[in-house]
Amino acid sequence: MRGLILFILFTCIVTPLHSQIHEIGLFAGGSNYVGDIGRTNYIYPNEFAGGLVYKYNLNPRIALRGSYTYIPVSGNDLDADNSFRQNRGYRFSNTIHEFAAGVEFNFFDYNISDYRTTFTPYILAEIAAFNYKSPESAAVNNTILLKNKFSYSLPVGLGLKGRLADNFAIAFETGVRFTLVDDIDFTTNKINSLDFGGDGNDWYVFSGISIVYTFGRPPCFGGIAE
């Protein structure tokens, strides 16, 4: 415990005085899904997606982050690479509302207030809760009744970020969400017409760009001069 406290104090002291600890901003880009309908490309944005992000920089290498992302997903067997799906001809669209929290690990020290540390690639690991529409039952006229459903996913990703101007930074990021469900594309064995056969869980992916505003001073820097 004593060693941990000394390490935290050392980290606070050696980080430049003018580093900012808060980042808040917007991101936008494209989303795609990988499952039982349509294409099987891991990264193939075909819907517009976006959201909000907040980051708290613990030190130049680690940032905590939370985000909300609006993620439409869709698939069409006519776009698939294999003839079986093309001949089958299924299609779907759904909308995911995702709330995620996790950690960014920077490859290099990152602080846009210091010209020597204004750029870094990073990796991302999160836990997310998301809401989407799931099939509940089939009516007598073959209409499918949908319900709101919540589940969880494990987003992981790669990104590249750097200073844009003054207190603004820009980032390019791709994140894959590994889910615990197989019905984002409405696949279910409870309804014969929607039993598409696949037994693997669905994935969804966001790829895009974010712009954040950075502000705040680390509280442990009080009275320390550069």
Protein backbone atom coordinates (compact mmCIF):
# COMPACT_ATOMS: atom_id res chain seq x y z
CA MET A 1 0.00 0.00 0.00
CA ARG A 2 2.82 2.40 0.86
CA GLY A 3 4.46 1.68 -2.51
CA LEU A 4 1.19 2.35 -4.32
CA ILE A 5 0.76 5.72 -2.60
CA LEU A 6 4.32 6.74 -3.47
CA PHE A 7 3.78 5.70 -7.09
CA ILE A 8 0.61 7.84 -7.35
CA LEU A 9 2.36 10.86 -5.86
CA PHE A 10 5.31 10.39 -8.22
CA THR A 11 2.95 10.20 -11.22
CA CYS A 12 1.27 13.45 -10.17
CA ILE A 13 4.57 15.27 -9.74
CA VAL A 14 6.25 14.25 -12.98
CA THR A 15 3.21 15.03 -15.18
CA PRO A 16 3.44 18.60 -16.59
CA LEU A 17 1.49 21.29 -14.74
CA HIS A 18 -0.59 22.30 -17.73
CA SER A 19 -1.98 18.89 -18.61
CA GLN A 20 -5.78 18.68 -18.76
CA ILE A 21 -7.66 15.86 -17.11
CA HIS A 22 -11.17 16.21 -18.57
CA GLU A 23 -12.27 15.64 -22.16
CA ILE A 24 -15.82 15.94 -23.46
CA GLY A 25 -16.98 15.76 -27.04
CA LEU A 26 -18.92 14.29 -29.92
CA PHE A 27 -18.19 11.46 -32.30
CA ALA A 28 -19.72 10.36 -35.58
CA GLY A 29 -19.09 7.64 -38.12
CA GLY A 30 -20.48 4.40 -39.46
CA SER A 31 -21.78 1.17 -37.95
CA ASN A 32 -22.16 -2.35 -39.20
CA TYR A 33 -23.33 -5.70 -37.91
CA VAL A 34 -21.98 -9.25 -38.24
CA GLY A 35 -24.45 -12.09 -37.76
CA ASP A 36 -26.86 -14.38 -39.55
CA ILE A 37 -28.01 -11.99 -42.32
CA GLY A 38 -26.12 -10.14 -45.04
CA ARG A 39 -22.41 -9.46 -45.23
CA THR A 40 -19.87 -11.06 -42.92
CA ASN A 41 -17.22 -8.29 -43.16
CA TYR A 42 -15.94 -7.37 -39.71
CA ILE A 43 -15.57 -3.69 -40.60
CA TYR A 44 -17.96 -2.46 -43.28
CA PRO A 45 -19.83 0.70 -42.13
CA ASN A 46 -23.23 0.95 -43.83
CA GLU A 47 -25.26 3.04 -41.35
CA PHE A 48 -24.63 6.49 -39.84
CA ALA A 49 -23.90 6.38 -36.08
CA GLY A 50 -22.82 8.88 -33.45
CA GLY A 51 -22.77 9.82 -29.81
CA LEU A 52 -21.22 11.59 -26.84
CA VAL A 53 -18.04 10.79 -24.92
CA TYR A 54 -16.41 11.90 -21.66
CA LYS A 55 -12.85 11.00 -20.60
CA TYR A 56 -10.95 11.43 -17.35
CA ASN A 57 -7.18 11.25 -17.78
CA LEU A 58 -5.65 9.48 -14.79
CA ASN A 59 -2.15 10.03 -16.17
CA PRO A 60 -0.49 10.41 -19.60
CA ARG A 61 -0.98 6.70 -20.35
CA ILE A 62 -4.43 5.83 -18.94
CA ALA A 63 -7.85 7.47 -19.36
CA LEU A 64 -11.22 6.39 -18.01
CA ARG A 65 -14.13 7.00 -20.36
CA GLY A 66 -17.89 6.82 -20.58
CA SER A 67 -20.02 7.15 -23.70
CA TYR A 68 -23.47 7.00 -25.22
CA THR A 69 -23.69 5.77 -28.82
CA TYR A 70 -26.63 5.69 -31.22
CA ILE A 71 -25.95 2.70 -33.48
CA PRO A 72 -28.33 1.70 -36.29
CA VAL A 73 -27.57 -1.73 -37.76
CA SER A 74 -28.93 -3.51 -40.80
CA GLY A 75 -28.27 -6.48 -43.03
CA ASN A 76 -29.45 -7.69 -46.43
CA ASP A 77 -28.73 -11.14 -47.84
CA LEU A 78 -28.56 -9.66 -51.35
CA ASP A 79 -25.29 -7.99 -50.28
CA ALA A 80 -23.76 -11.23 -48.98
CA ASP A 81 -20.71 -12.84 -50.57
CA ASN A 82 -22.11 -16.38 -50.55
CA SER A 83 -24.86 -17.71 -52.81
CA PHE A 84 -26.82 -19.38 -50.00
CA ARG A 85 -27.59 -16.07 -48.34
CA GLN A 86 -28.19 -14.33 -51.64
CA ASN A 87 -30.79 -16.92 -52.63
CA ARG A 88 -32.40 -16.85 -49.17
CA GLY A 89 -33.06 -13.11 -49.39
CA TYR A 90 -33.60 -12.09 -45.74
CA ARG A 91 -33.07 -8.54 -44.51
CA PHE A 92 -33.53 -6.55 -41.28
CA SER A 93 -32.83 -3.23 -39.56
CA ASN A 94 -32.58 -2.42 -35.87
CA THR A 95 -31.41 0.44 -33.66
CA ILE A 96 -29.04 0.05 -30.71
CA HIS A 97 -28.71 2.56 -27.88
CA GLU A 98 -25.44 1.83 -26.07
CA PHE A 99 -24.06 3.10 -22.76
CA ALA A 100 -20.44 2.08 -22.18
CA ALA A 101 -17.67 2.63 -19.63
CA GLY A 102 -14.07 1.56 -19.85
CA VAL A 103 -10.39 2.40 -20.16
CA GLU A 104 -8.09 3.77 -22.85
CA PHE A 105 -4.44 2.69 -22.76
CA ASN A 106 -2.13 5.06 -24.65
CA PHE A 107 0.95 3.65 -26.36
CA PHE A 108 2.82 6.93 -25.75
CA ASP A 109 2.54 9.65 -23.11
CA TYR A 110 -0.36 11.89 -24.11
CA ASN A 111 -0.85 15.55 -23.13
CA ILE A 112 -1.94 18.08 -25.76
CA SER A 113 -0.50 20.95 -23.69
CA ASP A 114 3.02 19.66 -24.33
CA TYR A 115 4.18 19.68 -27.97
CA ARG A 116 6.23 16.53 -27.31
CA THR A 117 3.19 14.42 -26.33
CA THR A 118 0.32 15.53 -28.59
CA PHE A 119 -0.16 12.26 -30.49
CA THR A 120 -0.61 8.59 -29.63
CA PRO A 121 -2.27 5.38 -30.78
CA TYR A 122 -4.35 3.66 -28.11
CA ILE A 123 -6.36 0.56 -27.32
CA LEU A 124 -9.79 0.50 -25.74
CA ALA A 125 -11.58 -1.96 -23.46
CA GLU A 126 -15.12 -1.39 -22.15
CA ILE A 127 -18.25 -2.94 -20.70
CA ALA A 128 -21.51 -1.79 -22.29
CA ALA A 129 -25.25 -2.08 -21.72
CA PHE A 130 -27.43 -1.66 -24.77
CA ASN A 131 -31.10 -1.51 -25.74
CA TYR A 132 -32.59 -2.83 -28.99
CA LYS A 133 -35.74 -4.37 -30.47
CA SER A 134 -36.21 -8.13 -30.16
CA PRO A 135 -38.97 -10.34 -31.63
CA GLU A 136 -41.56 -11.41 -29.06
CA SER A 137 -44.30 -13.21 -30.97
CA ALA A 138 -46.06 -13.53 -34.34
CA ALA A 139 -49.62 -12.22 -34.76
CA VAL A 140 -52.29 -14.08 -36.75
CA ASN A 141 -51.57 -11.97 -39.85
CA ASN A 142 -47.85 -12.91 -39.69
CA THR A 143 -46.94 -9.53 -38.24
CA ILE A 144 -43.97 -9.82 -35.88
CA LEU A 145 -44.44 -8.13 -32.51
CA LEU A 146 -41.26 -6.58 -31.12
CA LYS A 147 -40.25 -5.69 -27.57
CA ASN A 148 -37.53 -3.53 -26.03
CA LYS A 149 -34.69 -5.64 -24.70
CA PHE A 150 -31.51 -4.89 -22.74
CA SER A 151 -28.29 -6.84 -22.92
CA TYR A 152 -24.54 -6.44 -22.49
CA SER A 153 -21.54 -6.33 -24.77
CA LEU A 154 -17.75 -6.19 -24.49
CA PRO A 155 -16.39 -3.44 -26.74
CA VAL A 156 -12.70 -3.53 -27.68
CA GLY A 157 -11.04 -1.21 -30.13
CA LEU A 158 -8.07 0.64 -31.57
CA GLY A 159 -7.67 4.35 -32.08
CA LEU A 160 -5.36 7.21 -32.96
CA LYS A 161 -5.67 10.61 -31.28
CA GLY A 162 -3.87 13.93 -31.24
CA ARG A 163 -4.10 17.69 -30.79
CA LEU A 164 -6.30 19.52 -33.28
CA ALA A 165 -6.06 23.16 -32.14
CA ASP A 166 -5.80 24.91 -28.77
CA ASN A 167 -7.76 22.75 -26.31
CA PHE A 168 -9.34 20.55 -28.98
CA ALA A 169 -8.24 17.04 -29.86
CA ILE A 170 -9.29 14.64 -32.62
CA ALA A 171 -9.40 10.84 -32.65
CA PHE A 172 -10.04 8.08 -35.17
CA GLU A 173 -11.40 4.87 -33.68
CA THR A 174 -12.80 1.45 -34.55
CA GLY A 175 -14.48 -0.68 -31.89
CA VAL A 176 -15.97 -4.16 -32.11
CA ARG A 177 -18.78 -5.13 -29.74
CA PHE A 178 -18.99 -8.78 -28.75
CA THR A 179 -22.55 -9.38 -27.56
CA LEU A 180 -24.22 -12.09 -25.50
CA VAL A 181 -27.29 -12.36 -27.77
CA ASP A 182 -28.21 -13.72 -31.20
CA ASP A 183 -31.44 -11.82 -31.90
CA ILE A 184 -30.27 -8.33 -32.94
CA ASP A 185 -31.15 -9.45 -36.48
CA PHE A 186 -34.48 -10.85 -35.13
CA THR A 187 -33.27 -14.43 -35.32
CA THR A 188 -35.18 -16.62 -32.86
CA ASN A 189 -36.22 -20.26 -32.61
CA LYS A 190 -39.45 -19.20 -30.89
CA ILE A 191 -40.92 -18.09 -34.25
CA ASN A 192 -40.58 -20.50 -37.19
CA SER A 193 -40.37 -17.78 -39.84
CA LEU A 194 -37.47 -16.14 -37.96
CA ASP A 195 -35.44 -19.26 -37.23
CA PHE A 196 -32.45 -18.56 -39.49
CA GLY A 197 -30.35 -21.35 -38.07
CA GLY A 198 -27.14 -19.65 -36.90
CA ASP A 199 -26.00 -20.35 -33.34
CA GLY A 200 -23.27 -17.69 -32.93
CA ASN A 201 -23.85 -14.42 -31.07
CA ASP A 202 -24.18 -11.20 -33.06
CA TRP A 203 -21.50 -8.51 -33.24
CA TYR A 204 -21.79 -4.84 -34.05
CA VAL A 205 -19.03 -2.38 -34.92
CA PHE A 206 -18.55 1.38 -34.78
CA SER A 207 -15.88 3.17 -36.83
CA GLY A 208 -15.57 6.93 -36.77
CA ILE A 209 -14.04 10.20 -35.70
CA SER A 210 -14.39 12.22 -32.49
CA ILE A 211 -13.60 15.80 -31.53
CA VAL A 212 -13.20 16.59 -27.82
CA TYR A 213 -12.60 19.69 -25.75
CA THR A 214 -10.02 19.27 -22.97
CA PHE A 215 -10.02 21.19 -19.71
CA GLY A 216 -9.19 21.03 -15.99
CA ARG A 217 -6.01 20.68 -13.94
CA PRO A 218 -4.95 17.66 -11.90
CA PRO A 219 -5.68 18.52 -8.22
CA CYS A 220 -2.33 17.16 -7.01
CA PHE A 221 -0.44 19.83 -8.97
CA GLY A 222 -1.31 22.69 -6.63
CA GLY A 223 1.77 24.68 -5.73
CA ILE A 224 4.07 22.80 -8.14
CA ALA A 225 5.75 24.97 -10.76
CA GLU A 226 6.99 23.80 -14.11
